[in-house]
């Protein structure tokens, strides 16, 4: 009989719908104040690059460049400018931490940095200036 099955078909294990909904999710609901976890900051973060100013005094009409380990000794990669026209040449280069050998290339002649107090002999028997970042 169809009516009998309908009225007696309740299972012992049936869970009421209200209980089912509340027990489906085991994680607590997030409130408006809760925030997502933030990644931990590394103990030793990578060192940051710095802007280094190279400057030298030369005749106002000079062609001045700086070359070194940081630009593979390319004499035209980093020209210095003299905005005032008084022979005060400078350029700012971003360098990663480390030690760099360099020289100025002024009107076709290699020159150590006269303001630098640290030099090293190169394989040509002359000196290179040292810049530590």
Protein backbone atom coordinates (compact mmCIF):
# COMPACT_ATOMS: atom_id res chain seq x y z
CA UNK A 1 0.00 0.00 0.00
CA UNK A 2 1.34 3.30 -1.06
CA UNK A 3 -0.17 5.33 1.74
CA UNK A 4 1.28 3.06 4.38
CA UNK A 5 4.82 3.31 2.98
CA UNK A 6 4.50 7.04 2.90
CA UNK A 7 3.50 7.38 6.53
CA UNK A 8 5.89 4.78 8.00
CA UNK A 9 9.03 5.38 5.91
CA UNK A 10 10.89 7.45 8.56
CA UNK A 11 14.39 6.18 9.17
CA UNK A 12 15.97 5.88 12.59
CA UNK A 13 19.10 7.56 11.22
CA UNK A 14 17.53 10.53 9.50
CA UNK A 15 19.01 13.88 10.56
CA UNK A 16 16.70 16.87 10.72
CA UNK A 17 17.42 19.51 8.05
CA UNK A 18 18.27 22.23 10.63
CA UNK A 19 20.92 20.01 12.25
CA UNK A 20 22.31 18.98 8.86
CA UNK A 21 22.96 22.60 7.81
CA UNK A 22 24.72 23.60 11.00
CA UNK A 23 26.95 20.53 11.08
CA UNK A 24 28.02 20.60 7.39
CA UNK A 25 30.83 23.11 7.93
CA UNK A 26 33.36 22.28 10.62
CA UNK A 27 35.29 25.57 10.27
CA UNK A 28 34.09 28.49 12.37
CA UNK A 29 32.58 31.35 10.42
CA UNK A 30 34.83 34.40 9.96
CA UNK A 31 33.73 37.59 11.58
CA UNK A 32 34.22 41.04 10.06
CA UNK A 33 37.19 41.68 12.38
CA UNK A 34 39.16 38.56 11.45
CA UNK A 35 41.96 39.01 8.92
CA UNK A 36 43.65 36.55 6.61
CA UNK A 37 47.03 35.32 7.87
CA UNK A 38 50.02 37.34 6.65
CA UNK A 39 53.18 35.65 5.34
CA UNK A 40 56.07 35.74 7.77
CA UNK A 41 58.90 38.20 7.12
CA UNK A 42 62.17 36.43 6.29
CA UNK A 43 64.81 36.58 9.01
CA UNK A 44 67.50 37.75 6.58
CA UNK A 45 65.78 39.79 3.85
CA UNK A 46 67.69 40.33 0.59
CA UNK A 47 69.96 43.38 0.69
CA UNK A 48 68.64 46.42 -1.09
CA UNK A 49 70.32 48.28 -3.95
CA UNK A 50 71.44 51.83 -3.28
CA UNK A 51 71.89 54.92 -5.38
CA UNK A 52 75.60 55.81 -5.52
CA UNK A 53 76.79 59.21 -6.75
CA UNK A 54 80.05 59.32 -8.67
CA UNK A 55 81.49 62.83 -9.02
CA UNK A 56 84.70 64.39 -10.25
CA UNK A 57 85.94 67.84 -11.21
CA UNK A 58 87.25 68.31 -14.77
CA UNK A 59 87.46 71.09 -17.37
CA UNK A 60 83.89 72.27 -18.12
CA UNK A 61 83.96 71.11 -21.77
CA UNK A 62 85.21 67.60 -20.92
CA UNK A 63 83.64 64.29 -21.86
CA UNK A 64 83.49 62.34 -18.58
CA UNK A 65 82.40 58.74 -17.99
CA UNK A 66 82.67 56.23 -15.16
CA UNK A 67 83.47 52.60 -15.91
CA UNK A 68 83.96 49.64 -13.60
CA UNK A 69 82.90 46.20 -12.50
CA UNK A 70 79.27 47.39 -12.30
CA UNK A 71 79.05 48.13 -16.06
CA UNK A 72 81.66 45.67 -17.43
CA UNK A 73 84.15 48.53 -17.91
CA UNK A 74 82.01 50.07 -20.65
CA UNK A 75 83.41 53.60 -21.04
CA UNK A 76 80.25 54.99 -22.62
CA UNK A 77 77.58 53.33 -20.43
CA UNK A 78 77.54 55.94 -17.66
CA UNK A 79 78.31 59.50 -18.79
CA UNK A 80 78.66 62.17 -16.10
CA UNK A 81 76.97 65.52 -16.59
CA UNK A 82 77.94 69.04 -15.57
CA UNK A 83 74.61 70.89 -15.19
CA UNK A 84 76.18 74.15 -13.97
CA UNK A 85 78.95 74.26 -16.60
CA UNK A 86 81.59 74.76 -13.88
CA UNK A 87 83.31 71.40 -14.28
CA UNK A 88 81.48 69.55 -11.48
CA UNK A 89 80.52 66.28 -13.17
CA UNK A 90 78.30 63.64 -11.55
CA UNK A 91 76.10 60.62 -12.21
CA UNK A 92 73.92 58.47 -9.94
CA UNK A 93 74.03 54.70 -10.47
CA UNK A 94 71.95 52.08 -8.66
CA UNK A 95 74.22 49.35 -7.30
CA UNK A 96 73.59 46.16 -5.36
CA UNK A 97 75.60 45.64 -2.17
CA UNK A 98 79.19 44.65 -2.83
CA UNK A 99 82.64 45.98 -3.64
CA UNK A 100 83.33 47.49 -7.07
CA UNK A 101 86.48 48.62 -8.87
CA UNK A 102 86.08 51.67 -11.09
CA UNK A 103 87.82 54.56 -12.84
CA UNK A 104 86.80 57.77 -14.56
CA UNK A 105 87.39 58.09 -18.29
CA UNK A 106 87.99 61.79 -18.93
CA UNK A 107 88.63 62.95 -22.50
CA UNK A 108 90.01 59.52 -23.40
CA UNK A 109 92.26 59.18 -20.33
CA UNK A 110 91.72 56.75 -17.42
CA UNK A 111 91.80 58.48 -14.00
CA UNK A 112 91.38 57.17 -10.46
CA UNK A 113 88.84 58.98 -8.31
CA UNK A 114 90.84 61.67 -6.46
CA UNK A 115 88.22 61.74 -3.67
CA UNK A 116 88.41 57.97 -3.08
CA UNK A 117 90.72 56.79 -0.30
CA UNK A 118 90.72 53.11 -1.29
CA UNK A 119 92.55 51.78 -4.35
CA UNK A 120 93.75 48.44 -5.67
CA UNK A 121 96.39 47.64 -8.27
CA UNK A 122 94.93 46.23 -11.48
CA UNK A 123 96.52 43.76 -13.94
CA UNK A 124 97.89 46.67 -16.02
CA UNK A 125 100.02 47.92 -13.13
CA UNK A 126 97.88 51.00 -12.51
CA UNK A 127 95.32 51.67 -9.79
CA UNK A 128 91.54 51.27 -9.69
CA UNK A 129 89.35 53.06 -7.18
CA UNK A 130 87.18 50.93 -4.87
CA UNK A 131 83.50 51.65 -4.12
CA UNK A 132 81.83 49.65 -1.34
CA UNK A 133 78.03 49.56 -1.26
